[in-house]
Amino acid sequence: MYESINLITNKIEMNLNELRDKSYKNACEHGFHDQELSNEHCLCLVISELMEAVEADRKCKVFKGVVAFEREFNRYPALVEESRRFKCAFEKCVKDTVPDELADAVIRLLDLYGLLGIDLDEDAFDEETISEYSATYCNKSFTESIFHIIKFITSNNEVFIRSCVVPEMLLLEIFGLAKYLSIDLMWHIEQKMKYNELREKMHGKKY
């Protein structure tokens, strides 16, 4: 499972509805849905991840790259179980960086869409559309970019029905920022979801 670490590619390949189901299932298995949650609660946690991205940027917590991650993963003796090797490599090279926190924000959104049973239009996530969203951030600082996304979330927090495009748009805003920052967000989402599977209940938190 952990040996096949996906390398960064220029081609965007994603099955967001499958990731939505995995995000929701993992959240349920870790106790995040043991009690009924409001949209506002879930969206507040999305915002908290975006603000953690700001803190990561302020502290210059930089992703060390896929090559460094793979090197760290393979540095451990083969006798060490793969999940432990993956966890150690992830925590050393990826965790708490800007890309990691943006991935967390997407995972939180996907979890909410799983809870609400919202199907995403995956055709909306093509290179051209994401590039259009990316252009939004050309003249913004990182903090201004995050504020732009948070403002979009808070102004649309009650519009979670299938007939509107808001669910796709919220994700596209984050994917657009990631593209502008040259972050392979899908790679980070995949690795963070693997990491989350290994964590304790509620990730050791109250909620």
Foldseek 3Di string as FASTA:
>chain_A
DLVPQDADDPFDDDDLLVLLQLLQVLLVVLPVVPDPDDLVVLLVVLLVLLVLLVVQVVVVVDAPHPVQLVCQLVVDDPVPDNLVSLLVSCVVGPPSYNLLSLLVSSSSLSNVCSVVVADADVVCPHPVNLQVLLVVCPPPDSVRLSVVLSVLCVVCSVPPDNVDNSSVVSNSNSSSVCVNVVHPNVSSNVSVSSNSSPAHRVNPDPD
